Amino acid sequence: MATYVLIPGAASSPWYWHLLEAELRGRGHDVVAVDLPCDDDSAGLAEYADTVVDAIGDRTSLILVAHSFGGFTAPLVCDRVPVDLLVMLQAQIPAPGEAPGQWWANTGYEQARREQDERDGRNPDDDTALFHHDTPPELAAEAEKHTRTQSATPFMEPWPLAAWPDVPTKFLLSRDDRFFPAEYMRRIVRERLGITPDELPGDHCPMLGHPTELADHLEAYRTGA
């Protein structure tokens, strides 16, 4: 049995993981869906990492799954507790000394998004089409109820690690994501982690649109299949 530790993105709650959590529990694993203090202006990256470590407690056989902005927190946890595997799920990959607020310009995000928006012909005010176009409509509507306020505090602080932690790392890319376009993310993964990402279908939140396939990928990583 493994312990899957699920770290959400910005402005997100543990609800986003509920379908994947059910899949993993059904396969006999323990699951910790972390509730980060995203709406607390006193909480920065260190406090986010503290929250994850506290939620883990004395559990072992840890597999961390970090989504989106959770990519800035998960490596900090790996630097503090023994982790068997880190899975970055369409996650931001930090560089040493880089504040999350700098990540966008440093990675060329604006141009990538502009080009993606032109391809999609998306109404710029339609957040559902941006984040949840591949999510079942009833889940996309429910997701709006679980969006939380996101404090700017953790975006201001330099990422404190001098290097990526010495933990086996995989990257799972959502190839239909309009928020983090696929080709843009492939380049960042190659440049910053030196690996080729694995891919699955889905928008920015594949844990809602493709929970079974996502669980299959995680289990294949766990078993080395």
C-alpha atoms as a PDB file:
ATOM      1  CA  MET A   1       0.000   0.000   0.000  1.00  0.00           C
ATOM      2  CA  ALA A   2       1.210   3.487  -0.891  1.00  0.00           C
ATOM      3  CA  THR A   3       0.234   6.843   0.540  1.00  0.00           C
ATOM      4  CA  TYR A   4      -0.700   9.286  -2.206  1.00  0.00           C
ATOM      5  CA  VAL A   5      -0.339  12.894  -1.093  1.00  0.00           C
ATOM      6  CA  LEU A   6      -2.323  15.199  -3.382  1.00  0.00           C
ATOM      7  CA  ILE A   7      -1.197  18.846  -3.440  1.00  0.00           C
ATOM      8  CA  PRO A   8      -3.611  21.254  -5.149  1.00  0.00           C
ATOM      9  CA  GLY A   9      -2.952  24.235  -7.358  1.00  0.00           C
ATOM     10  CA  ALA A  10      -3.685  27.873  -6.625  1.00  0.00           C
ATOM     11  CA  ALA A  11      -7.145  28.856  -5.335  1.00  0.00           C
ATOM     12  CA  SER A  12      -8.096  25.182  -5.080  1.00  0.00           C
ATOM     13  CA  SER A  13      -9.546  22.955  -2.383  1.00  0.00           C
ATOM     14  CA  PRO A  14      -9.254  19.213  -1.714  1.00  0.00           C
ATOM     15  CA  TRP A  15     -12.579  18.786  -3.551  1.00  0.00           C
ATOM     16  CA  TYR A  16     -10.743  18.836  -6.879  1.00  0.00           C
ATOM     17  CA  TRP A  17      -9.151  15.506  -5.986  1.00  0.00           C
ATOM     18  CA  HIS A  18     -12.278  13.643  -4.863  1.00  0.00           C
ATOM     19  CA  LEU A  19     -12.657  11.449  -7.965  1.00  0.00           C
ATOM     20  CA  LEU A  20      -8.987  10.517  -8.079  1.00  0.00           C
ATOM     21  CA  GLU A  21      -9.029   9.937  -4.324  1.00  0.00           C
ATOM     22  CA  ALA A  22     -11.874   7.445  -4.725  1.00  0.00           C
ATOM     23  CA  GLU A  23      -9.988   5.674  -7.540  1.00  0.00           C
ATOM     24  CA  LEU A  24      -6.831   5.328  -5.466  1.00  0.00           C
ATOM     25  CA  ARG A  25      -8.635   4.246  -2.290  1.00  0.00           C
ATOM     26  CA  GLY A  26     -10.491   1.676  -4.366  1.00  0.00           C
ATOM     27  CA  ARG A  27      -7.113   0.245  -5.344  1.00  0.00           C
ATOM     28  CA  GLY A  28      -6.152  -0.176  -1.696  1.00  0.00           C
ATOM     29  CA  HIS A  29      -4.099   2.955  -1.017  1.00  0.00           C
ATOM     30  CA  ASP A  30      -4.140   5.655   1.617  1.00  0.00           C
ATOM     31  CA  VAL A  31      -4.788   9.151   0.251  1.00  0.00           C
ATOM     32  CA  VAL A  32      -4.122  12.571   1.775  1.00  0.00           C
ATOM     33  CA  ALA A  33      -5.749  15.454  -0.125  1.00  0.00           C
ATOM     34  CA  VAL A  34      -4.085  18.511   1.374  1.00  0.00           C
ATOM     35  CA  ASP A  35      -6.003  21.672   2.234  1.00  0.00           C
ATOM     36  CA  LEU A  36      -3.502  24.488   1.692  1.00  0.00           C
ATOM     37  CA  PRO A  37      -3.977  27.894   3.386  1.00  0.00           C
ATOM     38  CA  CYS A  38      -4.335  29.622   0.023  1.00  0.00           C
ATOM     39  CA  ASP A  39      -6.584  32.400   1.358  1.00  0.00           C
ATOM     40  CA  ASP A  40      -4.263  33.270   4.267  1.00  0.00           C
ATOM     41  CA  ASP A  41      -2.119  36.333   3.566  1.00  0.00           C
ATOM     42  CA  SER A  42       0.293  35.316   6.316  1.00  0.00           C
ATOM     43  CA  ALA A  43       1.095  31.997   4.595  1.00  0.00           C
ATOM     44  CA  GLY A  44       3.921  31.676   2.103  1.00  0.00           C
ATOM     45  CA  LEU A  45       5.673  28.709   0.529  1.00  0.00           C
ATOM     46  CA  ALA A  46       7.211  27.644   3.850  1.00  0.00           C
ATOM     47  CA  GLU A  47       3.786  27.527   5.476  1.00  0.00           C
ATOM     48  CA  TYR A  48       2.388  25.607   2.501  1.00  0.00           C
ATOM     49  CA  ALA A  49       5.141  23.012   2.945  1.00  0.00           C
ATOM     50  CA  ASP A  50       4.462  22.926   6.705  1.00  0.00           C
ATOM     51  CA  THR A  51       0.804  22.195   5.985  1.00  0.00           C
ATOM     52  CA  VAL A  52       1.663  19.271   3.734  1.00  0.00           C
ATOM     53  CA  VAL A  53       4.190  17.828   6.202  1.00  0.00           C
ATOM     54  CA  ASP A  54       1.655  18.119   9.029  1.00  0.00           C
ATOM     55  CA  ALA A  55      -1.005  16.401   6.905  1.00  0.00           C
ATOM     56  CA  ILE A  56       1.374  13.520   6.151  1.00  0.00           C
ATOM     57  CA  GLY A  57       2.089  12.919   9.821  1.00  0.00           C
ATOM     58  CA  ASP A  58       3.841   9.592  10.366  1.00  0.00           C
ATOM     59  CA  ARG A  59       2.708   8.025   7.091  1.00  0.00           C
ATOM     60  CA  THR A  60       5.312   6.345   4.892  1.00  0.00           C
ATOM     61  CA  SER A  61       5.609   4.995   1.313  1.00  0.00           C
ATOM     62  CA  LEU A  62       4.842   8.495   0.068  1.00  0.00           C
ATOM     63  CA  ILE A  63       3.973   9.423  -3.512  1.00  0.00           C
ATOM     64  CA  LEU A  64       3.446  13.165  -3.915  1.00  0.00           C
ATOM     65  CA  VAL A  65       1.215  14.386  -6.743  1.00  0.00           C
ATOM     66  CA  ALA A  66       1.474  18.139  -7.324  1.00  0.00           C
ATOM     67  CA  HIS A  67      -0.938  20.014  -9.584  1.00  0.00           C
ATOM     68  CA  SER A  68      -0.258  23.385 -11.201  1.00  0.00           C
ATOM     69  CA  PHE A  69       0.996  25.859  -8.546  1.00  0.00           C
ATOM     70  CA  GLY A  70       1.492  22.873  -6.226  1.00  0.00           C
ATOM     71  CA  GLY A  71       4.729  22.351  -8.141  1.00  0.00           C
ATOM     72  CA  PHE A  72       6.346  25.077  -6.060  1.00  0.00           C
ATOM     73  CA  THR A  73       5.399  23.352  -2.792  1.00  0.00           C
ATOM     74  CA  ALA A  74       5.975  19.657  -3.461  1.00  0.00           C
ATOM     75  CA  PRO A  75       9.792  19.784  -3.849  1.00  0.00           C
ATOM     76  CA  LEU A  76      10.033  21.620  -0.521  1.00  0.00           C
ATOM     77  CA  VAL A  77       8.205  18.715   1.100  1.00  0.00           C
ATOM     78  CA  CYS A  78      10.563  16.237  -0.595  1.00  0.00           C
ATOM     79  CA  ASP A  79      13.447  18.111   1.025  1.00  0.00           C
ATOM     80  CA  ARG A  80      11.940  17.488   4.482  1.00  0.00           C
ATOM     81  CA  VAL A  81      10.408  13.995   4.513  1.00  0.00           C
ATOM     82  CA  PRO A  82      11.312  10.718   2.761  1.00  0.00           C
ATOM     83  CA  VAL A  83       9.373  10.564  -0.519  1.00  0.00           C
ATOM     84  CA  ASP A  84       9.411   7.579  -2.863  1.00  0.00           C
ATOM     85  CA  LEU A  85       8.178   9.434  -5.936  1.00  0.00           C
ATOM     86  CA  LEU A  86       7.193  12.947  -6.992  1.00  0.00           C
ATOM     87  CA  VAL A  87       4.660  13.279  -9.806  1.00  0.00           C
ATOM     88  CA  MET A  88       4.229  16.727 -11.310  1.00  0.00           C
ATOM     89  CA  LEU A  89       0.737  16.929 -12.815  1.00  0.00           C
ATOM     90  CA  GLN A  90       0.615  19.801 -15.306  1.00  0.00           C
ATOM     91  CA  ALA A  91       2.597  21.599 -12.634  1.00  0.00           C
ATOM     92  CA  GLN A  92       4.806  24.663 -12.551  1.00  0.00           C
ATOM     93  CA  ILE A  93       8.491  23.719 -12.315  1.00  0.00           C
ATOM     94  CA  PRO A  94      10.445  26.251 -10.223  1.00  0.00           C
ATOM     95  CA  ALA A  95      14.062  27.228 -10.664  1.00  0.00           C
ATOM     96  CA  PRO A  96      16.328  28.007  -7.674  1.00  0.00           C
ATOM     97  CA  GLY A  97      15.773  31.554  -6.440  1.00  0.00           C
ATOM     98  CA  GLU A  98      12.778  32.132  -8.716  1.00  0.00           C
ATOM     99  CA  ALA A  99       9.668  33.614  -7.125  1.00  0.00           C
ATOM    100  CA  PRO A 100       6.438  32.113  -8.431  1.00  0.00           C
ATOM    101  CA  GLY A 101       5.440  35.553  -9.621  1.00  0.00           C
ATOM    102  CA  GLN A 102       8.520  35.600 -11.883  1.00  0.00           C
ATOM    103  CA  TRP A 103       7.831  32.180 -13.369  1.00  0.00           C
ATOM    104  CA  TRP A 104       5.407  33.446 -15.989  1.00  0.00           C
ATOM    105  CA  ALA A 105       7.782  35.897 -17.639  1.00  0.00           C
ATOM    106  CA  ASN A 106      10.812  33.637 -17.201  1.00  0.00           C
ATOM    107  CA  THR A 107       9.128  30.793 -19.081  1.00  0.00           C
ATOM    108  CA  GLY A 108       7.553  32.822 -21.899  1.00  0.00           C
ATOM    109  CA  TYR A 109       4.024  32.144 -20.721  1.00  0.00           C
ATOM    110  CA  GLU A 110       2.329  35.236 -22.153  1.00  0.00           C
ATOM    111  CA  GLN A 111       3.289  34.469 -25.733  1.00  0.00           C
ATOM    112  CA  ALA A 112       2.374  30.789 -25.376  1.00  0.00           C
ATOM    113  CA  ARG A 113      -1.068  31.658 -23.992  1.00  0.00           C
ATOM    114  CA  ARG A 114      -1.671  34.312 -26.640  1.00  0.00           C
ATOM    115  CA  GLU A 115      -0.916  31.817 -29.382  1.00  0.00           C
ATOM    116  CA  GLN A 116      -3.137  29.197 -27.720  1.00  0.00           C
ATOM    117  CA  ASP A 117      -6.024  31.643 -27.350  1.00  0.00           C
ATOM    118  CA  GLU A 118      -5.729  32.514 -31.035  1.00  0.00           C
ATOM    119  CA  ARG A 119      -5.896  28.834 -31.973  1.00  0.00           C
ATOM    120  CA  ASP A 120      -8.913  28.235 -29.721  1.00  0.00           C
ATOM    121  CA  GLY A 121     -10.844  31.392 -30.583  1.00  0.00           C
ATOM    122  CA  ARG A 122     -11.817  31.448 -26.913  1.00  0.00           C
ATOM    123  CA  ASN A 123     -13.773  34.296 -25.340  1.00  0.00           C
ATOM    124  CA  PRO A 124     -11.161  35.782 -22.969  1.00  0.00           C
ATOM    125  CA  ASP A 125     -13.778  36.048 -20.217  1.00  0.00           C
ATOM    126  CA  ASP A 126     -14.810  32.373 -20.420  1.00  0.00           C
ATOM    127  CA  ASP A 127     -12.839  30.720 -17.615  1.00  0.00           C
ATOM    128  CA  THR A 128     -14.714  27.436 -18.044  1.00  0.00           C
ATOM    129  CA  ALA A 129     -13.456  27.179 -21.617  1.00  0.00           C
ATOM    130  CA  LEU A 130      -9.955  27.958 -20.351  1.00  0.00           C
ATOM    131  CA  PHE A 131      -9.733  25.547 -17.429  1.00  0.00           C
ATOM    132  CA  HIS A 132     -12.536  22.962 -17.824  1.00  0.00           C
ATOM    133  CA  HIS A 133     -13.418  22.544 -21.512  1.00  0.00           C
ATOM    134  CA  ASP A 134     -12.798  18.767 -21.252  1.00  0.00           C
ATOM    135  CA  THR A 135     -14.443  18.373 -17.833  1.00  0.00           C
ATOM    136  CA  PRO A 136     -18.010  17.007 -17.705  1.00  0.00           C
ATOM    137  CA  PRO A 137     -20.299  20.082 -17.548  1.00  0.00           C
ATOM    138  CA  GLU A 138     -21.834  19.187 -14.192  1.00  0.00           C
ATOM    139  CA  LEU A 139     -18.369  18.880 -12.652  1.00  0.00           C
ATOM    140  CA  ALA A 140     -17.185  22.094 -14.298  1.00  0.00           C
ATOM    141  CA  ALA A 141     -20.163  23.906 -12.767  1.00  0.00           C
ATOM    142  CA  GLU A 142     -19.469  22.362  -9.362  1.00  0.00           C
ATOM    143  CA  ALA A 143     -15.786  23.308  -9.607  1.00  0.00           C
ATOM    144  CA  GLU A 144     -16.744  26.983  -9.710  1.00  0.00           C
ATOM    145  CA  LYS A 145     -18.279  26.587  -6.239  1.00  0.00           C
ATOM    146  CA  HIS A 146     -14.987  25.263  -4.870  1.00  0.00           C
ATOM    147  CA  THR A 147     -12.705  27.993  -6.203  1.00  0.00           C
ATOM    148  CA  ARG A 148     -11.124  29.867  -3.307  1.00  0.00           C
ATOM    149  CA  THR A 149      -9.432  33.204  -2.828  1.00  0.00           C
ATOM    150  CA  GLN A 150      -5.714  32.962  -3.541  1.00  0.00           C
ATOM    151  CA  SER A 151      -3.351  35.148  -1.539  1.00  0.00           C
ATOM    152  CA  ALA A 152      -0.490  36.789  -3.432  1.00  0.00           C
ATOM    153  CA  THR A 153       1.951  36.151  -0.576  1.00  0.00           C
ATOM    154  CA  PRO A 154       3.539  32.891  -1.823  1.00  0.00           C
ATOM    155  CA  PHE A 155       4.057  34.374  -5.275  1.00  0.00           C
ATOM    156  CA  MET A 156       6.440  36.999  -3.897  1.00  0.00           C
ATOM    157  CA  GLU A 157       9.023  34.739  -2.270  1.00  0.00           C
ATOM    158  CA  PRO A 158      12.076  33.243  -4.015  1.00  0.00           C
ATOM    159  CA  TRP A 159      11.945  29.481  -4.243  1.00  0.00           C
ATOM    160  CA  PRO A 160      14.422  28.483  -1.514  1.00  0.00           C
ATOM    161  CA  LEU A 161      16.027  25.261  -2.750  1.00  0.00           C
ATOM    162  CA  ALA A 162      19.447  25.375  -4.413  1.00  0.00           C
ATOM    163  CA  ALA A 163      18.585  22.412  -6.646  1.00  0.00           C
ATOM    164  CA  TRP A 164      15.823  19.934  -7.393  1.00  0.00           C
ATOM    165  CA  PRO A 165      15.511  17.387  -4.575  1.00  0.00           C
ATOM    166  CA  ASP A 166      17.089  13.959  -5.071  1.00  0.00           C
ATOM    167  CA  VAL A 167      13.757  12.196  -5.530  1.00  0.00           C
ATOM    168  CA  PRO A 168      12.553  10.203  -8.564  1.00  0.00           C
ATOM    169  CA  THR A 169      10.401  12.637 -10.529  1.00  0.00           C
ATOM    170  CA  LYS A 170       7.823  12.127 -13.270  1.00  0.00           C
ATOM    171  CA  PHE A 171       5.856  14.708 -15.204  1.00  0.00           C
ATOM    172  CA  LEU A 172       2.312  14.078 -16.436  1.00  0.00           C
ATOM    173  CA  LEU A 173       1.185  16.529 -19.100  1.00  0.00           C
ATOM    174  CA  SER A 174      -2.440  17.259 -20.040  1.00  0.00           C
ATOM    175  CA  ARG A 175      -2.164  17.611 -23.768  1.00  0.00           C
ATOM    176  CA  ASP A 176      -5.492  19.459 -24.226  1.00  0.00           C
ATOM    177  CA  ASP A 177      -4.822  22.118 -21.565  1.00  0.00           C
ATOM    178  CA  ARG A 178      -5.532  25.662 -22.789  1.00  0.00           C
ATOM    179  CA  PHE A 179      -4.155  27.349 -19.660  1.00  0.00           C
ATOM    180  CA  PHE A 180      -0.724  25.676 -19.831  1.00  0.00           C
ATOM    181  CA  PRO A 181      -0.432  24.800 -23.546  1.00  0.00           C
ATOM    182  CA  ALA A 182       1.125  21.430 -24.300  1.00  0.00           C
ATOM    183  CA  GLU A 183       4.076  22.469 -26.462  1.00  0.00           C
ATOM    184  CA  TYR A 184       5.002  25.189 -23.992  1.00  0.00           C
ATOM    185  CA  MET A 185       4.960  22.706 -21.117  1.00  0.00           C
ATOM    186  CA  ARG A 186       6.960  20.104 -23.054  1.00  0.00           C
ATOM    187  CA  ARG A 187       9.698  22.694 -23.493  1.00  0.00           C
ATOM    188  CA  ILE A 188       9.731  23.686 -19.816  1.00  0.00           C
ATOM    189  CA  VAL A 189       9.865  20.061 -18.670  1.00  0.00           C
ATOM    190  CA  ARG A 190      12.783  19.416 -21.011  1.00  0.00           C
ATOM    191  CA  GLU A 191      14.653  22.555 -19.972  1.00  0.00           C
ATOM    192  CA  ARG A 192      14.078  22.394 -16.229  1.00  0.00           C
ATOM    193  CA  LEU A 193      13.857  18.681 -15.431  1.00  0.00           C
ATOM    194  CA  GLY A 194      15.731  17.197 -18.383  1.00  0.00           C
ATOM    195  CA  ILE A 195      13.031  14.570 -18.965  1.00  0.00           C
ATOM    196  CA  THR A 196      10.288  13.864 -21.475  1.00  0.00           C
ATOM    197  CA  PRO A 197       6.820  14.160 -19.964  1.00  0.00           C
ATOM    198  CA  ASP A 198       4.245  11.428 -20.170  1.00  0.00           C
ATOM    199  CA  GLU A 199       0.912  12.585 -21.548  1.00  0.00           C
ATOM    200  CA  LEU A 200      -2.766  11.979 -20.984  1.00  0.00           C
ATOM    201  CA  PRO A 201      -5.859  13.635 -22.438  1.00  0.00           C
ATOM    202  CA  GLY A 202      -7.578  16.406 -20.573  1.00  0.00           C
ATOM    203  CA  ASP A 203      -7.766  20.084 -19.753  1.00  0.00           C
ATOM    204  CA  HIS A 204      -6.017  21.804 -16.852  1.00  0.00           C
ATOM    205  CA  CYS A 205      -7.798  19.548 -14.332  1.00  0.00           C
ATOM    206  CA  PRO A 206      -7.502  15.950 -15.590  1.00  0.00           C
ATOM    207  CA  MET A 207      -8.309  14.693 -12.088  1.00  0.00           C
ATOM    208  CA  LEU A 208     -11.901  15.729 -12.856  1.00  0.00           C
ATOM    209  CA  GLY A 209     -12.174  14.731 -16.506  1.00  0.00           C
ATOM    210  CA  HIS A 210      -9.986  11.611 -16.541  1.00  0.00           C
ATOM    211  CA  PRO A 211      -9.581  10.284 -12.974  1.00  0.00           C
ATOM    212  CA  THR A 212      -9.366   6.612 -13.942  1.00  0.00           C
ATOM    213  CA  GLU A 213      -6.708   7.178 -16.591  1.00  0.00           C
ATOM    214  CA  LEU A 214      -4.798   9.417 -14.203  1.00  0.00           C
ATOM    215  CA  ALA A 215      -4.913   6.725 -11.525  1.00  0.00           C
ATOM    216  CA  ASP A 216      -3.685   4.188 -14.086  1.00  0.00           C
ATOM    217  CA  HIS A 217      -0.645   6.374 -14.816  1.00  0.00           C
ATOM    218  CA  LEU A 218       0.118   6.827 -11.125  1.00  0.00           C
ATOM    219  CA  GLU A 219      -0.160   3.134 -10.452  1.00  0.00           C
ATOM    220  CA  ALA A 220       2.119   2.343 -13.391  1.00  0.00           C
ATOM    221  CA  TYR A 221       4.702   4.700 -11.925  1.00  0.00           C
ATOM    222  CA  ARG A 222       4.342   3.055  -8.520  1.00  0.00           C
ATOM    223  CA  THR A 223       4.838  -0.456  -9.834  1.00  0.00           C
ATOM    224  CA  GLY A 224       7.390   0.407 -12.498  1.00  0.00           C
ATOM    225  CA  ALA A 225       5.145  -1.030 -15.186  1.00  0.00           C
END
